Protein backbone atom coordinates (compact mmCIF):
# COMPACT_ATOMS: atom_id res chain seq x y z
CA UNK A 1 -4.27 -18.03 -32.76
CA UNK A 2 -4.63 -16.64 -29.30
CA UNK A 3 -3.35 -13.38 -28.81
CA UNK A 4 -1.06 -12.86 -26.27
CA UNK A 5 -1.65 -10.25 -23.38
CA UNK A 6 1.18 -8.03 -22.14
CA UNK A 7 1.05 -6.59 -18.85
CA UNK A 8 3.67 -4.08 -17.44
CA UNK A 9 4.41 -1.48 -14.45
CA UNK A 10 5.10 1.28 -16.79
CA UNK A 11 5.56 4.14 -13.71
CA UNK A 12 5.61 4.33 -9.89
CA UNK A 13 7.72 1.78 -9.25
CA UNK A 14 11.41 3.43 -9.07
CA UNK A 15 12.52 1.25 -6.00
CA UNK A 16 11.12 -2.11 -7.85
CA UNK A 17 9.09 -3.08 -4.61
CA UNK A 18 6.60 -4.51 -6.85
CA UNK A 19 6.08 -6.80 -9.83
CA UNK A 20 3.16 -7.89 -11.93
CA UNK A 21 3.00 -11.60 -13.34
CA UNK A 22 1.99 -12.45 -16.67
CA UNK A 23 -1.51 -13.18 -15.61
CA UNK A 24 -1.80 -9.47 -13.93
CA UNK A 25 -1.31 -10.40 -10.33
CA UNK A 26 0.44 -7.44 -8.48
CA UNK A 27 2.80 -8.62 -5.74
CA UNK A 28 5.48 -7.19 -3.65
CA UNK A 29 8.81 -8.50 -4.72
CA UNK A 30 11.58 -6.97 -2.56
CA UNK A 31 10.59 -5.31 0.86
CA UNK A 32 13.48 -3.86 1.43
CA UNK A 33 12.05 -0.35 0.39
CA UNK A 34 8.90 -0.77 1.91
CA UNK A 35 8.95 1.25 5.31
CA UNK A 36 6.05 3.54 6.13
CA UNK A 37 8.38 6.20 7.66
CA UNK A 38 9.51 6.54 4.20
CA UNK A 39 6.60 6.45 1.49
CA UNK A 40 3.05 6.03 3.01
CA UNK A 41 1.65 4.92 -0.38
CA UNK A 42 2.57 4.33 -3.99
CA UNK A 43 0.78 5.30 -7.15
CA UNK A 44 1.74 2.71 -9.85
CA UNK A 45 0.51 2.82 -13.36
CA UNK A 46 -0.07 -0.53 -15.40
CA UNK A 47 -0.26 -1.04 -18.97
CA UNK A 48 -1.99 -4.22 -20.85
CA UNK A 49 -1.52 -4.44 -24.61
CA UNK A 50 -3.01 -7.08 -26.68
CA UNK A 51 -0.69 -8.49 -29.57
CA UNK A 52 -3.94 -8.98 -31.86
CA UNK A 53 -4.50 -6.85 -34.99
CA UNK A 54 -7.27 -3.88 -34.22
CA UNK A 55 -10.72 -3.93 -35.87
CA UNK A 56 -10.06 -0.52 -37.07
CA UNK A 57 -7.27 2.27 -37.58
CA UNK A 58 -8.68 4.12 -34.01
CA UNK A 59 -8.86 0.97 -32.21
CA UNK A 60 -6.33 0.70 -29.66
CA UNK A 61 -5.41 -2.72 -28.04
CA UNK A 62 -3.61 -0.91 -25.01
CA UNK A 63 -4.91 0.50 -22.11
CA UNK A 64 -3.46 1.84 -18.56
CA UNK A 65 -4.93 2.24 -15.26
CA UNK A 66 -3.53 3.71 -12.27
CA UNK A 67 -3.00 1.47 -9.18
CA UNK A 68 -2.96 2.95 -5.50
CA UNK A 69 -1.14 1.46 -2.66
CA UNK A 70 -1.22 2.48 0.97
CA UNK A 71 1.22 1.19 3.28
CA UNK A 72 0.19 0.47 6.93
CA UNK A 73 2.62 0.72 9.85
CA UNK A 74 3.15 -2.17 11.88
CA UNK A 75 4.93 -3.55 14.71
CA UNK A 76 5.11 0.31 16.55
CA UNK A 77 5.69 0.06 20.51
CA UNK A 78 2.42 1.69 22.50
CA UNK A 79 3.00 5.25 23.62
CA UNK A 80 2.22 6.59 27.27
CA UNK A 81 3.12 9.96 28.03
CA UNK A 82 3.97 10.77 31.71
CA UNK A 83 1.62 13.12 33.94
CA UNK A 84 1.09 14.09 37.54
CA UNK A 85 -2.25 12.77 39.12
CA UNK A 86 -3.81 13.65 42.04
CA UNK A 87 -6.26 11.49 44.96
CA UNK A 88 -7.61 12.13 48.20
CA UNK A 89 -6.69 10.30 51.02
CA UNK A 90 -10.09 8.74 51.89
CA UNK A 91 -10.57 7.48 48.54
CA UNK A 92 -12.30 4.28 48.37
CA UNK A 93 -10.82 0.81 47.21
CA UNK A 94 -10.47 0.69 43.50
CA UNK A 95 -10.74 4.55 42.55
CA UNK A 96 -9.66 5.31 39.38
CA UNK A 97 -6.55 7.58 39.33
CA UNK A 98 -5.78 7.34 35.60
CA UNK A 99 -7.86 6.46 32.52
CA UNK A 100 -6.23 5.30 29.34
CA UNK A 101 -6.94 7.01 25.81
């Protein structure tokens, strides 16, 4: 008999953004609340449990681990800050007036 393993997200997924498959693949299942301006990172707790019998009374067939996910911002427009610049009237063609950051 093959022991069945169960994998679950047990905490950190209050908005149900992530899901985990029975093979352990973690994926985004709901992008509606996956917004950088709201939450920049998630700390999920994943539990895997084996359905077999432990070899001893002290043996645990269950483990948990933390998975940290960082959300990166995308599709932000470039920014520019206006300023005043001066240039001498006898400046050569091609003289730099302003340099980008």
